Amino acid sequence: GLDGVTVSISHTTRQMRPGEVHGKDYYFVSVAEFKAMLERQAFL
Protein backbone atom coordinates (compact mmCIF):
# COMPACT_ATOMS: atom_id res chain seq x y z
CA GLY A 1 0.00 0.00 0.00
CA LEU A 2 2.97 2.38 0.00
CA ASP A 3 5.22 3.22 -2.95
CA GLY A 4 8.98 3.53 -2.61
CA VAL A 5 9.42 0.88 0.08
CA THR A 6 11.19 -2.44 -0.24
CA VAL A 7 12.19 -5.24 2.10
CA SER A 8 15.79 -6.35 2.13
CA ILE A 9 15.78 -10.11 1.61
CA SER A 10 17.88 -11.83 4.24
CA HIS A 11 19.99 -14.94 3.92
CA THR A 12 19.12 -17.78 6.27
CA THR A 13 20.16 -21.34 6.97
CA ARG A 14 16.73 -22.40 8.27
CA GLN A 15 14.47 -24.70 6.32
CA MET A 16 11.97 -23.25 3.88
CA ARG A 17 8.42 -23.13 5.26
CA PRO A 18 5.33 -24.05 3.20
CA GLY A 19 4.50 -21.28 0.73
CA GLU A 20 7.89 -19.56 0.96
CA VAL A 21 9.92 -18.81 -2.16
CA HIS A 22 13.72 -18.66 -2.43
CA GLY A 23 14.78 -15.14 -3.41
CA LYS A 24 11.44 -13.65 -2.38
CA ASP A 25 11.01 -14.48 1.30
CA TYR A 26 14.64 -15.37 2.03
CA TYR A 27 17.77 -16.56 0.32
CA PHE A 28 17.92 -20.09 1.71
CA VAL A 29 21.55 -21.18 1.95
CA SER A 30 23.56 -23.90 3.63
CA VAL A 31 25.58 -23.30 6.77
CA ALA A 32 28.75 -23.63 4.69
CA GLU A 33 27.54 -20.97 2.23
CA PHE A 34 26.57 -18.65 5.06
CA LYS A 35 29.95 -19.00 6.76
CA ALA A 36 31.71 -18.32 3.46
CA MET A 37 29.79 -15.03 3.17
CA LEU A 38 30.76 -14.21 6.74
CA GLU A 39 34.41 -14.68 5.87
CA ARG A 40 34.01 -12.30 2.92
CA GLN A 41 32.40 -9.76 5.30
CA ALA A 42 29.40 -9.65 2.99
CA PHE A 43 26.87 -9.04 5.76
CA LEU A 44 25.73 -5.73 7.18
All heavy atoms as atom14 arrays in JSON, in Angstrom:
{
  "sequence": "GLDGVTVSISHTTRQMRPGEVHGKDYYFVSVAEFKAMLERQAFL",
  "atom14_mask": [
    [1, 1, 1, 1, 0, 0, 0, 0, 0, 0, 0, 0, 0, 0],
    [1, 1, 1, 1, 1, 1, 1, 1, 0, 0, 0, 0, 0, 0],
    [1, 1, 1, 1, 1, 1, 1, 1, 0, 0, 0, 0, 0, 0],
    [1, 1, 1, 1, 0, 0, 0, 0, 0, 0, 0, 0, 0, 0],
    [1, 1, 1, 1, 1, 1, 1, 0, 0, 0, 0, 0, 0, 0],
    [1, 1, 1, 1, 1, 1, 1, 0, 0, 0, 0, 0, 0, 0],
    [1, 1, 1, 1, 1, 1, 1, 0, 0, 0, 0, 0, 0, 0],
    [1, 1, 1, 1, 1, 1, 0, 0, 0, 0, 0, 0, 0, 0],
    [1, 1, 1, 1, 1, 1, 1, 1, 0, 0, 0, 0, 0, 0],
    [1, 1, 1, 1, 1, 1, 0, 0, 0, 0, 0, 0, 0, 0],
    [1, 1, 1, 1, 1, 1, 1, 1, 1, 1, 0, 0, 0, 0],
    [1, 1, 1, 1, 1, 1, 1, 0, 0, 0, 0, 0, 0, 0],
    [1, 1, 1, 1, 1, 1, 1, 0, 0, 0, 0, 0, 0, 0],
    [1, 1, 1, 1, 1, 1, 1, 1, 1, 1, 1, 0, 0, 0],
    [1, 1, 1, 1, 1, 1, 1, 1, 1, 0, 0, 0, 0, 0],
    [1, 1, 1, 1, 1, 1, 1, 1, 0, 0, 0, 0, 0, 0],
    [1, 1, 1, 1, 1, 1, 1, 1, 1, 1, 1, 0, 0, 0],
    [1, 1, 1, 1, 1, 1, 1, 0, 0, 0, 0, 0, 0, 0],
    [1, 1, 1, 1, 0, 0, 0, 0, 0, 0, 0, 0, 0, 0],
    [1, 1, 1, 1, 1, 1, 1, 1, 1, 0, 0, 0, 0, 0],
    [1, 1, 1, 1, 1, 1, 1, 0, 0, 0, 0, 0, 0, 0],
    [1, 1, 1, 1, 1, 1, 1, 1, 1, 1, 0, 0, 0, 0],
    [1, 1, 1, 1, 0, 0, 0, 0, 0, 0, 0, 0, 0, 0],
    [1, 1, 1, 1, 1, 1, 1, 1, 1, 0, 0, 0, 0, 0],
    [1, 1, 1, 1, 1, 1, 1, 1, 0, 0, 0, 0, 0, 0],
    [1, 1, 1, 1, 1, 1, 1, 1, 1, 1, 1, 1, 0, 0],
    [1, 1, 1, 1, 1, 1, 1, 1, 1, 1, 1, 1, 0, 0],
    [1, 1, 1, 1, 1, 1, 1, 1, 1, 1, 1, 0, 0, 0],
    [1, 1, 1, 1, 1, 1, 1, 0, 0, 0, 0, 0, 0, 0],
    [1, 1, 1, 1, 1, 1, 0, 0, 0, 0, 0, 0, 0, 0],
    [1, 1, 1, 1, 1, 1, 1, 0, 0, 0, 0, 0, 0, 0],
    [1, 1, 1, 1, 1, 0, 0, 0, 0, 0, 0, 0, 0, 0],
    [1, 1, 1, 1, 1, 1, 1, 1, 1, 0, 0, 0, 0, 0],
    [1, 1, 1, 1, 1, 1, 1, 1, 1, 1, 1, 0, 0, 0],
    [1, 1, 1, 1, 1, 1, 1, 1, 1, 0, 0, 0, 0, 0],
    [1, 1, 1, 1, 1, 0, 0, 0, 0, 0, 0, 0, 0, 0],
    [1, 1, 1, 1, 1, 1, 1, 1, 0, 0, 0, 0, 0, 0],
    [1, 1, 1, 1, 1, 1, 1, 1, 0, 0, 0, 0, 0, 0],
    [1, 1, 1, 1, 1, 1, 1, 1, 1, 0, 0, 0, 0, 0],
    [1, 1, 1, 1, 1, 1, 1, 1, 1, 1, 1, 0, 0, 0],
    [1, 1, 1, 1, 1, 1, 1, 1, 1, 0, 0, 0, 0, 0],
    [1, 1, 1, 1, 1, 0, 0, 0, 0, 0, 0, 0, 0, 0],
    [1, 1, 1, 1, 1, 1, 1, 1, 1, 1, 1, 0, 0, 0],
    [1, 1, 1, 1, 1, 1, 1, 1, 0, 0, 0, 0, 0, 0]
  ],
  "atom14_positions": [
    [[0.77, -1.23, 0.0], [0.0, 0.0, 0.0], [0.8, 1.29, 0.0], [0.22, 2.37, 0.03], [0.0, 0.0, 0.0], [0.0, 0.0, 0.0], [0.0, 0.0, 0.0], [0.0, 0.0, 0.0], [0.0, 0.0, 0.0], [0.0, 0.0, 0.0], [0.0, 0.0, 0.0], [0.0, 0.0, 0.0], [0.0, 0.0, 0.0], [0.0, 0.0, 0.0]],
    [[2.13, 1.18, -0.05], [2.97, 2.38, 0.0], [4.1, 2.26, -1.02], [4.88, 1.31, -0.98], [3.54, 2.54, 1.41], [4.28, 3.84, 1.72], [3.35, 5.04, 1.58], [4.87, 3.79, 3.12], [0.0, 0.0, 0.0], [0.0, 0.0, 0.0], [0.0, 0.0, 0.0], [0.0, 0.0, 0.0], [0.0, 0.0, 0.0], [0.0, 0.0, 0.0]],
    [[4.17, 3.23, -1.93], [5.22, 3.22, -2.95], [6.57, 3.57, -2.34], [6.65, 4.24, -1.31], [4.89, 4.23, -4.05], [3.69, 3.82, -4.88], [3.41, 2.61, -4.96], [3.03, 4.72, -5.44], [0.0, 0.0, 0.0], [0.0, 0.0, 0.0], [0.0, 0.0, 0.0], [0.0, 0.0, 0.0], [0.0, 0.0, 0.0], [0.0, 0.0, 0.0]],
    [[7.63, 3.13, -3.0], [8.98, 3.53, -2.61], [9.52, 2.81, -1.39], [10.45, 3.3, -0.76], [0.0, 0.0, 0.0], [0.0, 0.0, 0.0], [0.0, 0.0, 0.0], [0.0, 0.0, 0.0], [0.0, 0.0, 0.0], [0.0, 0.0, 0.0], [0.0, 0.0, 0.0], [0.0, 0.0, 0.0], [0.0, 0.0, 0.0], [0.0, 0.0, 0.0]],
    [[8.94, 1.66, -1.06], [9.42, 0.88, 0.08], [9.74, -0.54, -0.38], [9.0, -1.12, -1.17], [8.36, 0.79, 1.21], [8.96, 0.13, 2.45], [7.8, 2.14, 1.55], [0.0, 0.0, 0.0], [0.0, 0.0, 0.0], [0.0, 0.0, 0.0], [0.0, 0.0, 0.0], [0.0, 0.0, 0.0], [0.0, 0.0, 0.0], [0.0, 0.0, 0.0]],
    [[10.84, -1.07, 0.1], [11.19, -2.44, -0.24], [11.75, -3.14, 1.0], [12.24, -2.49, 1.92], [12.24, -2.47, -1.38], [12.42, -3.83, -1.8], [13.59, -1.91, -0.93], [0.0, 0.0, 0.0], [0.0, 0.0, 0.0], [0.0, 0.0, 0.0], [0.0, 0.0, 0.0], [0.0, 0.0, 0.0], [0.0, 0.0, 0.0], [0.0, 0.0, 0.0]],
    [[11.64, -4.45, 1.01], [12.19, -5.24, 2.1], [13.49, -5.86, 1.64], [13.57, -6.43, 0.54], [11.21, -6.37, 2.53], [11.84, -7.23, 3.62], [9.91, -5.78, 3.03], [0.0, 0.0, 0.0], [0.0, 0.0, 0.0], [0.0, 0.0, 0.0], [0.0, 0.0, 0.0], [0.0, 0.0, 0.0], [0.0, 0.0, 0.0], [0.0, 0.0, 0.0]],
    [[14.52, -5.71, 2.44], [15.79, -6.35, 2.13], [15.65, -7.84, 2.42], [15.26, -8.23, 3.53], [16.91, -5.76, 2.99], [18.13, -6.41, 2.73], [0.0, 0.0, 0.0], [0.0, 0.0, 0.0], [0.0, 0.0, 0.0], [0.0, 0.0, 0.0], [0.0, 0.0, 0.0], [0.0, 0.0, 0.0], [0.0, 0.0, 0.0], [0.0, 0.0, 0.0]],
    [[15.93, -8.66, 1.45], [15.78, -10.11, 1.61], [17.01, -10.66, 2.31], [18.13, -10.49, 1.84], [15.59, -10.79, 0.24], [14.35, -10.22, -0.46], [15.45, -12.3, 0.4], [14.18, -10.67, -1.9], [0.0, 0.0, 0.0], [0.0, 0.0, 0.0], [0.0, 0.0, 0.0], [0.0, 0.0, 0.0], [0.0, 0.0, 0.0], [0.0, 0.0, 0.0]],
    [[16.78, -11.29, 3.44], [17.88, -11.83, 4.24], [18.29, -13.22, 3.76], [17.52, -13.93, 3.12], [17.46, -11.92, 5.72], [17.15, -10.66, 6.23], [0.0, 0.0, 0.0], [0.0, 0.0, 0.0], [0.0, 0.0, 0.0], [0.0, 0.0, 0.0], [0.0, 0.0, 0.0], [0.0, 0.0, 0.0], [0.0, 0.0, 0.0], [0.0, 0.0, 0.0]],
    [[19.51, -13.58, 4.11], [19.99, -14.94, 3.92], [19.73, -15.73, 5.2], [19.88, -15.18, 6.3], [21.49, -14.95, 3.62], [21.85, -14.44, 2.26], [21.69, -13.11, 1.9], [22.35, -15.07, 1.17], [22.1, -12.96, 0.64], [22.49, -14.13, 0.18], [0.0, 0.0, 0.0], [0.0, 0.0, 0.0], [0.0, 0.0, 0.0], [0.0, 0.0, 0.0]],
    [[19.34, -16.97, 5.07], [19.12, -17.78, 6.27], [19.49, -19.24, 6.0], [19.41, -19.71, 4.86], [17.65, -17.7, 6.74], [17.5, -18.46, 7.94], [16.69, -18.27, 5.7], [0.0, 0.0, 0.0], [0.0, 0.0, 0.0], [0.0, 0.0, 0.0], [0.0, 0.0, 0.0], [0.0, 0.0, 0.0], [0.0, 0.0, 0.0], [0.0, 0.0, 0.0]],
    [[19.84, -19.91, 7.07], [20.16, -21.34, 6.97], [18.98, -22.21, 7.42], [19.08, -23.42, 7.4], [21.39, -21.69, 7.85], [21.09, -21.36, 9.22], [22.61, -20.91, 7.39], [0.0, 0.0, 0.0], [0.0, 0.0, 0.0], [0.0, 0.0, 0.0], [0.0, 0.0, 0.0], [0.0, 0.0, 0.0], [0.0, 0.0, 0.0], [0.0, 0.0, 0.0]],
    [[17.87, -21.58, 7.82], [16.73, -22.4, 8.27], [16.02, -23.03, 7.07], [16.17, -22.58, 5.94], [15.77, -21.57, 9.12], [14.85, -20.63, 8.36], [13.64, -20.3, 9.24], [12.81, -19.23, 8.72], [11.95, -19.35, 7.71], [11.86, -20.49, 7.03], [11.22, -18.31, 7.34], [0.0, 0.0, 0.0], [0.0, 0.0, 0.0], [0.0, 0.0, 0.0]],
    [[15.21, -24.02, 7.37], [14.47, -24.7, 6.32], [13.34, -23.83, 5.78], [12.76, -23.02, 6.51], [13.88, -26.01, 6.86], [14.92, -27.06, 7.22], [15.72, -27.5, 6.01], [15.16, -27.91, 4.99], [17.04, -27.41, 6.1], [0.0, 0.0, 0.0], [0.0, 0.0, 0.0], [0.0, 0.0, 0.0], [0.0, 0.0, 0.0], [0.0, 0.0, 0.0]],
    [[13.04, -24.0, 4.52], [11.97, -23.25, 3.88], [10.62, -23.74, 4.41], [10.38, -24.94, 4.51], [12.03, -23.45, 2.36], [11.2, -22.48, 1.55], [11.28, -22.83, -0.23], [13.05, -22.67, -0.55], [0.0, 0.0, 0.0], [0.0, 0.0, 0.0], [0.0, 0.0, 0.0], [0.0, 0.0, 0.0], [0.0, 0.0, 0.0], [0.0, 0.0, 0.0]],
    [[9.75, -22.78, 4.78], [8.42, -23.13, 5.26], [7.45, -23.24, 4.09], [7.72, -22.7, 3.01], [7.91, -22.07, 6.25], [8.66, -22.04, 7.57], [8.23, -20.87, 8.42], [8.99, -20.78, 9.68], [9.07, -19.7, 10.43], [8.45, -18.59, 10.06], [9.76, -19.72, 11.55], [0.0, 0.0, 0.0], [0.0, 0.0, 0.0], [0.0, 0.0, 0.0]],
    [[6.32, -23.93, 4.28], [5.33, -24.05, 3.2], [4.9, -22.69, 2.67], [4.59, -21.78, 3.45], [4.15, -24.77, 3.88], [4.79, -25.54, 5.0], [5.92, -24.69, 5.49], [0.0, 0.0, 0.0], [0.0, 0.0, 0.0], [0.0, 0.0, 0.0], [0.0, 0.0, 0.0], [0.0, 0.0, 0.0], [0.0, 0.0, 0.0], [0.0, 0.0, 0.0]],
    [[4.92, -22.54, 1.35], [4.5, -21.28, 0.73], [5.61, -20.28, 0.52], [5.42, -19.29, -0.19], [0.0, 0.0, 0.0], [0.0, 0.0, 0.0], [0.0, 0.0, 0.0], [0.0, 0.0, 0.0], [0.0, 0.0, 0.0], [0.0, 0.0, 0.0], [0.0, 0.0, 0.0], [0.0, 0.0, 0.0], [0.0, 0.0, 0.0], [0.0, 0.0, 0.0]],
    [[6.78, -20.5, 1.13], [7.89, -19.56, 0.96], [8.62, -19.82, -0.36], [8.63, -20.93, -0.88], [8.88, -19.68, 2.13], [8.33, -19.14, 3.43], [9.34, -19.17, 4.56], [10.19, -20.07, 4.58], [9.27, -18.29, 5.44], [0.0, 0.0, 0.0], [0.0, 0.0, 0.0], [0.0, 0.0, 0.0], [0.0, 0.0, 0.0], [0.0, 0.0, 0.0]],
    [[9.22, -18.74, -0.87], [9.92, -18.81, -2.16], [11.35, -18.31, -1.99], [11.56, -17.23, -1.41], [9.19, -17.96, -3.22], [9.95, -18.0, -4.55], [7.76, -18.46, -3.41], [0.0, 0.0, 0.0], [0.0, 0.0, 0.0], [0.0, 0.0, 0.0], [0.0, 0.0, 0.0], [0.0, 0.0, 0.0], [0.0, 0.0, 0.0], [0.0, 0.0, 0.0]],
    [[12.31, -19.08, -2.49], [13.72, -18.66, -2.43], [13.9, -17.4, -3.27], [13.43, -17.31, -4.41], [14.61, -19.77, -2.99], [16.07, -19.4, -3.08], [16.88, -19.37, -1.98], [16.83, -19.02, -4.14], [18.1, -19.0, -2.35], [18.09, -18.78, -3.65], [0.0, 0.0, 0.0], [0.0, 0.0, 0.0], [0.0, 0.0, 0.0], [0.0, 0.0, 0.0]],
    [[14.55, -16.39, -2.7], [14.78, -15.14, -3.41], [13.66, -14.14, -3.25], [13.78, -12.98, -3.66], [0.0, 0.0, 0.0], [0.0, 0.0, 0.0], [0.0, 0.0, 0.0], [0.0, 0.0, 0.0], [0.0, 0.0, 0.0], [0.0, 0.0, 0.0], [0.0, 0.0, 0.0], [0.0, 0.0, 0.0], [0.0, 0.0, 0.0], [0.0, 0.0, 0.0]],
    [[12.56, -14.56, -2.63], [11.44, -13.65, -2.38], [11.25, -13.46, -0.88], [11.18, -12.34, -0.39], [10.16, -14.19, -3.01], [8.95, -13.3, -2.77], [7.7, -13.9, -3.41], [6.48, -13.02, -3.12], [5.22, -13.62, -3.67], [0.0, 0.0, 0.0], [0.0, 0.0, 0.0], [0.0, 0.0, 0.0], [0.0, 0.0, 0.0], [0.0, 0.0, 0.0]],
    [[11.15, -14.56, -0.16], [11.01, -14.48, 1.3], [12.38, -14.43, 1.97], [12.61, -13.62, 2.86], [10.21, -15.69, 1.82], [8.81, -15.72, 1.25], [7.99, -14.89, 1.66], [8.54, -16.58, 0.38], [0.0, 0.0, 0.0], [0.0, 0.0, 0.0], [0.0, 0.0, 0.0], [0.0, 0.0, 0.0], [0.0, 0.0, 0.0], [0.0, 0.0, 0.0]],
    [[13.25, -15.31, 1.55], [14.64, -15.37, 2.03], [15.5, -15.95, 0.93], [15.0, -16.56, -0.03], [14.77, -16.31, 3.26], [14.25, -15.76, 4.57], [12.97, -16.07, 4.99], [15.04, -14.96, 5.39], [12.48, -15.59, 6.21], [14.57, -14.47, 6.59], [13.29, -14.8, 6.99], [12.81, -14.31, 8.19], [0.0, 0.0, 0.0], [0.0, 0.0, 0.0]],
    [[16.82, -15.76, 1.08], [17.77, -16.56, 0.32], [18.13, -17.73, 1.23], [18.79, -17.54, 2.25], [19.01, -15.74, -0.04], [18.73, -14.6, -1.01], [18.86, -13.27, -0.6], [18.35, -14.85, -2.32], [18.61, -12.22, -1.47], [18.09, -13.81, -3.2], [18.22, -12.51, -2.77], [17.96, -11.48, -3.65], [0.0, 0.0, 0.0], [0.0, 0.0, 0.0]],
    [[17.67, -18.91, 0.88], [17.92, -20.09, 1.71], [19.26, -20.71, 1.3], [19.43, -21.14, 0.16], [16.79, -21.1, 1.54], [15.46, -20.58, 2.04], [14.56, -19.98, 1.17], [15.11, -20.69, 3.38], [13.34, -19.49, 1.63], [13.9, -20.21, 3.84], [13.01, -19.61, 2.97], [0.0, 0.0, 0.0], [0.0, 0.0, 0.0], [0.0, 0.0, 0.0]],
    [[20.2, -20.7, 2.24], [21.55, -21.18, 1.95], [21.98, -22.2, 3.0], [21.38, -22.3, 4.08], [22.56, -20.01, 1.92], [22.22, -19.03, 0.8], [22.6, -19.28, 3.26], [0.0, 0.0, 0.0], [0.0, 0.0, 0.0], [0.0, 0.0, 0.0], [0.0, 0.0, 0.0], [0.0, 0.0, 0.0], [0.0, 0.0, 0.0], [0.0, 0.0, 0.0]],
    [[23.02, -22.93, 2.68], [23.56, -23.9, 3.63], [24.41, -23.18, 4.67], [24.79, -22.01, 4.48], [24.41, -24.93, 2.9], [25.57, -24.31, 2.37], [0.0, 0.0, 0.0], [0.0, 0.0, 0.0], [0.0, 0.0, 0.0], [0.0, 0.0, 0.0], [0.0, 0.0, 0.0], [0.0, 0.0, 0.0], [0.0, 0.0, 0.0], [0.0, 0.0, 0.0]],
    [[24.71, -23.88, 5.74], [25.58, -23.3, 6.77], [26.94, -22.97, 6.18], [27.53, -21.92, 6.49], [25.72, -24.26, 7.97], [26.74, -23.74, 8.98], [24.37, -24.45, 8.66], [0.0, 0.0, 0.0], [0.0, 0.0, 0.0], [0.0, 0.0, 0.0], [0.0, 0.0, 0.0], [0.0, 0.0, 0.0], [0.0, 0.0, 0.0], [0.0, 0.0, 0.0]],
    [[27.44, -23.85, 5.32], [28.75, -23.63, 4.69], [28.74, -22.36, 3.84], [29.68, -21.56, 3.88], [29.14, -24.83, 3.85], [0.0, 0.0, 0.0], [0.0, 0.0, 0.0], [0.0, 0.0, 0.0], [0.0, 0.0, 0.0], [0.0, 0.0, 0.0], [0.0, 0.0, 0.0], [0.0, 0.0, 0.0], [0.0, 0.0, 0.0], [0.0, 0.0, 0.0]],
    [[27.66, -22.16, 3.07], [27.54, -20.97, 2.23], [27.48, -19.71, 3.1], [28.09, -18.68, 2.77], [26.29, -21.05, 1.35], [26.37, -22.06, 0.23], [25.05, -22.17, -0.52], [24.05, -22.58, 0.1], [25.02, -21.84, -1.72], [0.0, 0.0, 0.0], [0.0, 0.0, 0.0], [0.0, 0.0, 0.0], [0.0, 0.0, 0.0], [0.0, 0.0, 0.0]],
    [[26.72, -19.8, 4.17], [26.57, -18.65, 5.06], [27.92, -18.27, 5.67], [28.29, -17.09, 5.71], [25.56, -18.98, 6.17], [25.1, -17.77, 6.95], [23.94, -17.1, 6.59], [25.83, -17.3, 8.03], [23.52, -15.98, 7.3], [25.42, -16.18, 8.75], [24.26, -15.53, 8.37], [0.0, 0.0, 0.0], [0.0, 0.0, 0.0], [0.0, 0.0, 0.0]],
    [[28.66, -19.26, 6.13], [29.95, -19.0, 6.76], [30.96, -18.44, 5.76], [31.8, -17.61, 6.11], [30.48, -20.27, 7.42], [29.7, -20.63, 8.68], [30.28, -21.84, 9.4], [29.54, -22.1, 10.71], [30.07, -23.29, 11.42], [0.0, 0.0, 0.0], [0.0, 0.0, 0.0], [0.0, 0.0, 0.0], [0.0, 0.0, 0.0], [0.0, 0.0, 0.0]],
    [[30.83, -18.86, 4.5], [31.71, -18.32, 3.46], [31.43, -16.83, 3.25], [32.36, -16.03, 3.06], [31.51, -19.09, 2.15], [0.0, 0.0, 0.0], [0.0, 0.0, 0.0], [0.0, 0.0, 0.0], [0.0, 0.0, 0.0], [0.0, 0.0, 0.0], [0.0, 0.0, 0.0], [0.0, 0.0, 0.0], [0.0, 0.0, 0.0], [0.0, 0.0, 0.0]],
    [[30.15, -16.46, 3.29], [29.79, -15.03, 3.17], [30.28, -14.24, 4.37], [30.72, -13.1, 4.23], [28.27, -14.89, 3.02], [27.72, -15.42, 1.71], [25.93, -15.15, 1.54], [25.86, -13.37, 1.31], [0.0, 0.0, 0.0], [0.0, 0.0, 0.0], [0.0, 0.0, 0.0], [0.0, 0.0, 0.0], [0.0, 0.0, 0.0], [0.0, 0.0, 0.0]],
    [[30.24, -14.86, 5.53], [30.76, -14.21, 6.74], [32.25, -13.9, 6.58], [32.71, -12.81, 6.93], [30.56, -15.11, 7.96], [29.25, -14.98, 8.75], [29.24, -15.96, 9.91], [29.07, -13.56, 9.26], [0.0, 0.0, 0.0], [0.0, 0.0, 0.0], [0.0, 0.0, 0.0], [0.0, 0.0, 0.0], [0.0, 0.0, 0.0], [0.0, 0.0, 0.0]],
    [[32.97, -14.85, 6.05], [34.41, -14.68, 5.87], [34.72, -13.56, 4.87], [35.73, -12.88, 5.0], [35.04, -16.0, 5.4], [35.06, -17.08, 6.48], [35.64, -18.38, 5.98], [36.1, -18.43, 4.81], [35.63, -19.37, 6.75], [0.0, 0.0, 0.0], [0.0, 0.0, 0.0], [0.0, 0.0, 0.0], [0.0, 0.0, 0.0], [0.0, 0.0, 0.0]],
    [[33.84, -13.37, 3.91], [34.01, -12.3, 2.92], [33.51, -10.95, 3.45], [33.56, -9.95, 2.74], [33.26, -12.63, 1.62], [33.71, -13.88, 0.91], [33.24, -13.88, -0.54], [31.79, -13.75, -0.66], [30.94, -14.78, -0.67], [31.39, -16.02, -0.53], [29.64, -14.57, -0.8], [0.0, 0.0, 0.0], [0.0, 0.0, 0.0], [0.0, 0.0, 0.0]],
    [[32.99, -10.96, 4.69], [32.4, -9.76, 5.3], [31.3, -9.17, 4.42], [31.19, -7.95, 4.23], [33.48, -8.71, 5.58], [34.54, -9.2, 6.57], [35.56, -8.14, 6.91], [35.88, -7.29, 6.08], [36.07, -8.17, 8.14], [0.0, 0.0, 0.0], [0.0, 0.0, 0.0], [0.0, 0.0, 0.0], [0.0, 0.0, 0.0], [0.0, 0.0, 0.0]],
    [[30.47, -10.06, 3.9], [29.4, -9.65, 2.99], [28.15, -9.17, 3.71], [27.25, -8.61, 3.07], [29.04, -10.83, 2.07], [0.0, 0.0, 0.0], [0.0, 0.0, 0.0], [0.0, 0.0, 0.0], [0.0, 0.0, 0.0], [0.0, 0.0, 0.0], [0.0, 0.0, 0.0], [0.0, 0.0, 0.0], [0.0, 0.0, 0.0], [0.0, 0.0, 0.0]],
    [[28.08, -9.38, 5.02], [26.87, -9.04, 5.76], [26.97, -7.7, 6.48], [27.98, -7.39, 7.09], [26.54, -10.13, 6.78], [26.11, -11.44, 6.16], [26.83, -12.61, 6.42], [25.01, -11.51, 5.33], [26.44, -13.81, 5.87], [24.62, -12.71, 4.76], [25.33, -13.86, 5.03], [0.0, 0.0, 0.0], [0.0, 0.0, 0.0], [0.0, 0.0, 0.0]],
    [[25.86, -6.96, 6.41], [25.73, -5.73, 7.18], [25.49, -6.08, 8.65], [25.96, -5.4, 9.56], [24.55, -4.91, 6.64], [24.35, -3.49, 7.13], [25.57, -2.64, 6.82], [23.11, -2.89, 6.48], [0.0, 0.0, 0.0], [0.0, 0.0, 0.0], [0.0, 0.0, 0.0], [0.0, 0.0, 0.0], [0.0, 0.0, 0.0], [0.0, 0.0, 0.0]]
  ]
}
